[in-house]
Amino acid sequence: MKRYGLPALITLLGLLYIFAIPTDPEWLKLLFKLLPMWLIIAYAYMQIPSGSRTRTHTMVLVGLFFCMLGDGLLRWFVIGLSAFLIGHLFYTVGFWSRRQLTTGRLLTLLPIVIYGSYMGSQLVQSLVQHGEQGLIAPVLGYIVVISLMVWSAILTGRPLAIVGSLLFLTSDSILSWNMFVSNVAYSGPLIMLTYYAAQFCIAASLHTLGHEIASGV
């Protein structure tokens, strides 16, 4: 169950939510939206080696919990965004505690800053055009935090943490672009597929995040 059963169930429920569950009633849609995250949190806990729980594990588990809250509260955009931001802060602290600094990994900050700056400028321009200036500060703050989260994941050198963080960035980029700039084809499925995959990869990374690895490139 731990190795194949739970991941299969998470995948099944995620696909059901994305492609099969109707919009109404809203409570049913929300239930199926959150079910995969509940199971992902359970899966994350199961990845922690017995008797070897560390502060890193705790930070990532708490991050998963706050992201689940954000998922459920996103209809109230600023509240949901705040919960996700808190979740990313916990991810960042957890990943940073397992950083393995190398020149190559440090240099990845440059493309992250370039991408974040581009997204920020496009979103601010669109928000101003639509009279949503009140959202500029929380949106820019979120971009900064998720960018730091991605960089801290890269610094760990753990492939699952890195892939998960990049998928999360992809999901949020599609969501924000579709919401504020212009329509993205198939945005709904793309957002949720990358989101669930991101959270699953981050959860799975807990198996190796608790111990040191040799530094690489």
Protein backbone atom coordinates (compact mmCIF):
# COMPACT_ATOMS: atom_id res chain seq x y z
CA MET A 1 0.00 0.00 0.00
CA LYS A 2 2.80 2.40 0.93
CA ARG A 3 4.76 1.88 -2.27
CA TYR A 4 2.09 1.56 -4.95
CA GLY A 5 -1.42 1.51 -3.46
CA LEU A 6 -1.52 5.01 -1.97
CA PRO A 7 0.12 6.72 -4.97
CA ALA A 8 -2.35 4.92 -7.24
CA LEU A 9 -5.28 6.07 -5.09
CA ILE A 10 -3.97 9.66 -5.07
CA THR A 11 -3.69 9.55 -8.86
CA LEU A 12 -7.18 8.10 -9.27
CA LEU A 13 -8.83 10.66 -6.99
CA GLY A 14 -6.92 13.51 -8.62
CA LEU A 15 -8.05 12.44 -12.09
CA LEU A 16 -11.62 12.02 -10.86
CA TYR A 17 -11.62 15.56 -9.50
CA ILE A 18 -10.11 17.05 -12.65
CA PHE A 19 -12.10 15.20 -15.28
CA ALA A 20 -15.22 13.65 -13.74
CA ILE A 21 -16.60 15.48 -10.68
CA PRO A 22 -19.26 18.07 -11.64
CA THR A 23 -19.03 21.69 -10.52
CA ASP A 24 -22.26 21.41 -8.54
CA PRO A 25 -22.83 20.75 -5.74
CA GLU A 26 -19.88 22.89 -4.67
CA TRP A 27 -19.25 20.94 -1.45
CA LEU A 28 -18.74 17.73 -3.43
CA LYS A 29 -16.32 19.40 -5.82
CA LEU A 30 -14.36 20.84 -2.88
CA LEU A 31 -14.30 17.46 -1.12
CA PHE A 32 -12.81 15.72 -4.13
CA LYS A 33 -10.37 18.59 -4.61
CA LEU A 34 -8.99 18.14 -1.10
CA LEU A 35 -9.06 14.34 -0.87
CA PRO A 36 -5.84 13.89 -2.91
CA MET A 37 -4.08 16.41 -0.67
CA TRP A 38 -5.16 14.61 2.51
CA LEU A 39 -3.71 11.41 1.08
CA ILE A 40 -0.55 13.18 -0.10
CA ILE A 41 0.02 14.44 3.46
CA ALA A 42 -0.48 10.88 4.75
CA TYR A 43 1.94 9.62 2.09
CA ALA A 44 4.48 12.28 3.09
CA TYR A 45 4.32 11.16 6.71
CA MET A 46 4.89 7.56 5.61
CA GLN A 47 8.07 8.59 3.77
CA ILE A 48 9.80 9.63 6.99
CA PRO A 49 12.16 6.83 8.08
CA SER A 50 11.08 5.28 11.38
CA GLY A 51 12.61 7.09 14.35
CA SER A 52 14.37 9.59 12.09
CA ARG A 53 11.99 12.53 11.98
CA THR A 54 13.85 15.83 11.71
CA ARG A 55 12.99 19.53 11.69
CA THR A 56 13.18 19.35 7.89
CA HIS A 57 10.43 16.73 7.80
CA THR A 58 8.26 18.79 10.13
CA MET A 59 8.66 21.95 8.05
CA VAL A 60 7.63 20.20 4.84
CA LEU A 61 4.67 18.47 6.50
CA VAL A 62 3.41 21.79 7.85
CA GLY A 63 3.94 23.31 4.41
CA LEU A 64 1.78 20.61 2.85
CA PHE A 65 -0.94 21.31 5.41
CA PHE A 66 -1.01 25.06 4.72
CA CYS A 67 -1.05 24.46 0.96
CA MET A 68 -4.05 22.18 1.46
CA LEU A 69 -5.74 25.01 3.39
CA GLY A 70 -4.92 27.40 0.57
CA ASP A 71 -6.45 25.00 -1.90
CA GLY A 72 -9.70 24.95 0.04
CA LEU A 73 -9.78 28.71 0.63
CA LEU A 74 -8.77 29.90 -2.84
CA ARG A 75 -12.30 31.10 -3.64
CA TRP A 76 -11.38 33.91 -1.21
CA PHE A 77 -8.30 34.74 -3.24
CA VAL A 78 -6.19 36.75 -0.79
CA ILE A 79 -6.92 34.34 2.09
CA GLY A 80 -6.08 31.31 -0.04
CA LEU A 81 -2.98 33.03 -1.42
CA SER A 82 -1.85 33.82 2.12
CA ALA A 83 -2.19 30.17 3.15
CA PHE A 84 -0.15 29.08 0.13
CA LEU A 85 2.45 31.74 0.93
CA ILE A 86 2.79 30.40 4.48
CA GLY A 87 3.08 26.89 3.08
CA HIS A 88 5.89 27.98 0.76
CA LEU A 89 7.70 29.63 3.66
CA PHE A 90 7.67 26.32 5.53
CA TYR A 91 8.88 24.50 2.39
CA THR A 92 11.66 27.07 2.02
CA VAL A 93 12.84 26.67 5.61
CA GLY A 94 12.73 22.89 5.28
CA PHE A 95 14.64 22.82 2.00
CA TRP A 96 17.14 25.46 3.14
CA SER A 97 18.03 23.33 6.16
CA ARG A 98 19.25 20.66 3.70
CA ARG A 99 21.03 22.95 1.27
CA GLN A 100 24.18 21.71 -0.46
CA LEU A 101 25.83 24.80 -1.88
CA THR A 102 27.63 24.48 -5.21
CA THR A 103 28.44 27.07 -7.85
CA GLY A 104 26.01 25.55 -10.34
CA ARG A 105 23.12 25.50 -7.90
CA LEU A 106 23.81 29.02 -6.67
CA LEU A 107 23.79 30.32 -10.25
CA THR A 108 20.26 28.98 -10.80
CA LEU A 109 19.07 32.01 -8.84
CA LEU A 110 19.65 34.15 -11.95
CA PRO A 111 17.05 32.49 -14.26
CA ILE A 112 14.63 32.29 -11.33
CA VAL A 113 14.96 36.06 -10.74
CA ILE A 114 14.56 36.77 -14.47
CA TYR A 115 11.44 34.61 -14.68
CA GLY A 116 9.96 36.04 -11.49
CA SER A 117 10.62 39.60 -12.67
CA TYR A 118 8.93 38.93 -16.00
CA MET A 119 5.88 37.34 -14.40
CA GLY A 120 5.69 40.12 -11.84
CA SER A 121 5.82 42.87 -14.45
CA GLN A 122 3.13 41.23 -16.59
CA LEU A 123 0.83 40.62 -13.65
CA VAL A 124 1.26 44.15 -12.26
CA GLN A 125 0.52 45.66 -15.66
CA SER A 126 -2.63 43.57 -15.98
CA LEU A 127 -3.77 44.30 -12.42
CA VAL A 128 -3.38 48.05 -12.99
CA GLN A 129 -5.33 47.84 -16.25
CA HIS A 130 -8.20 46.07 -14.48
CA GLY A 131 -8.23 48.36 -11.46
CA GLU A 132 -6.99 45.65 -9.07
CA GLN A 133 -4.13 47.63 -7.54
CA GLY A 134 -4.97 46.21 -4.12
CA LEU A 135 -3.74 42.79 -5.28
CA ILE A 136 -0.33 44.01 -6.45
CA ALA A 137 1.44 43.70 -3.08
CA PRO A 138 0.16 40.18 -2.21
CA VAL A 139 0.81 38.90 -5.74
CA LEU A 140 4.37 40.27 -5.83
CA GLY A 141 5.02 38.98 -2.33
CA TYR A 142 3.88 35.54 -3.41
CA ILE A 143 6.15 35.60 -6.46
CA VAL A 144 9.14 36.39 -4.25
CA VAL A 145 8.32 33.60 -1.79
CA ILE A 146 7.66 30.88 -4.37
CA SER A 147 10.86 31.88 -6.20
CA LEU A 148 12.82 31.43 -2.97
CA MET A 149 11.09 28.09 -2.44
CA VAL A 150 12.16 26.87 -5.88
CA TRP A 151 15.74 28.02 -5.34
CA SER A 152 15.95 26.41 -1.91
CA ALA A 153 14.66 23.14 -3.40
CA ILE A 154 17.33 23.28 -6.10
CA LEU A 155 19.99 23.86 -3.43
CA THR A 156 19.05 20.56 -1.75
CA GLY A 157 20.16 18.60 -4.80
CA ARG A 158 17.21 16.24 -4.30
CA PRO A 159 15.57 15.51 -7.69
CA LEU A 160 12.07 15.01 -6.29
CA ALA A 161 12.18 18.27 -4.33
CA ILE A 162 13.46 20.12 -7.40
CA VAL A 163 10.86 18.64 -9.76
CA GLY A 164 8.10 19.28 -7.24
CA SER A 165 9.06 22.93 -6.78
CA LEU A 166 9.27 23.53 -10.54
CA LEU A 167 5.89 21.89 -11.10
CA PHE A 168 4.43 24.10 -8.36
CA LEU A 169 5.86 27.17 -10.08
CA THR A 170 4.37 25.97 -13.37
CA SER A 171 0.95 25.42 -11.82
CA ASP A 172 0.88 28.84 -10.17
CA SER A 173 2.17 30.54 -13.31
CA ILE A 174 -0.66 29.07 -15.39
CA LEU A 175 -3.21 29.97 -12.72
CA SER A 176 -2.07 33.59 -12.34
CA TRP A 177 -1.66 34.16 -16.07
CA ASN A 178 -5.10 32.73 -16.78
CA MET A 179 -6.66 34.73 -13.94
CA PHE A 180 -5.06 38.12 -14.57
CA VAL A 181 -3.42 38.33 -18.01
CA SER A 182 -5.13 36.20 -20.67
CA ASN A 183 -6.93 32.91 -21.08
CA VAL A 184 -4.77 29.78 -21.15
CA ALA A 185 -6.15 26.83 -23.10
CA TYR A 186 -7.04 23.87 -20.86
CA SER A 187 -5.94 25.90 -17.85
CA GLY A 188 -8.12 23.99 -15.37
CA PRO A 189 -6.66 20.53 -16.02
CA LEU A 190 -3.14 21.89 -16.48
CA ILE A 191 -3.22 23.77 -13.17
CA MET A 192 -4.46 20.82 -11.15
CA LEU A 193 -2.35 18.14 -12.87
CA THR A 194 0.85 20.08 -12.23
CA TYR A 195 -0.31 21.03 -8.72
CA TYR A 196 -1.04 17.48 -7.56
CA ALA A 197 2.16 16.22 -9.20
CA ALA A 198 4.13 18.98 -7.46
CA GLN A 199 2.76 18.16 -4.03
CA PHE A 200 3.29 14.45 -4.54
CA CYS A 201 6.93 14.95 -5.55
CA ILE A 202 7.56 17.20 -2.55
CA ALA A 203 5.93 14.61 -0.27
CA ALA A 204 7.99 11.80 -1.80
CA SER A 205 11.19 13.82 -1.32
CA LEU A 206 10.85 13.43 2.46
CA HIS A 207 12.34 9.94 2.16
CA THR A 208 15.78 11.46 1.50
CA LEU A 209 15.44 15.01 2.84
CA GLY A 210 16.23 13.99 6.39
CA HIS A 211 19.88 13.09 5.80
CA GLU A 212 22.91 14.59 4.15
CA ILE A 213 23.98 13.82 0.60
CA ALA A 214 27.23 14.48 -1.17
CA SER A 215 27.52 17.80 -2.95
CA GLY A 216 27.25 17.72 -6.72
CA VAL A 217 27.45 20.22 -9.54
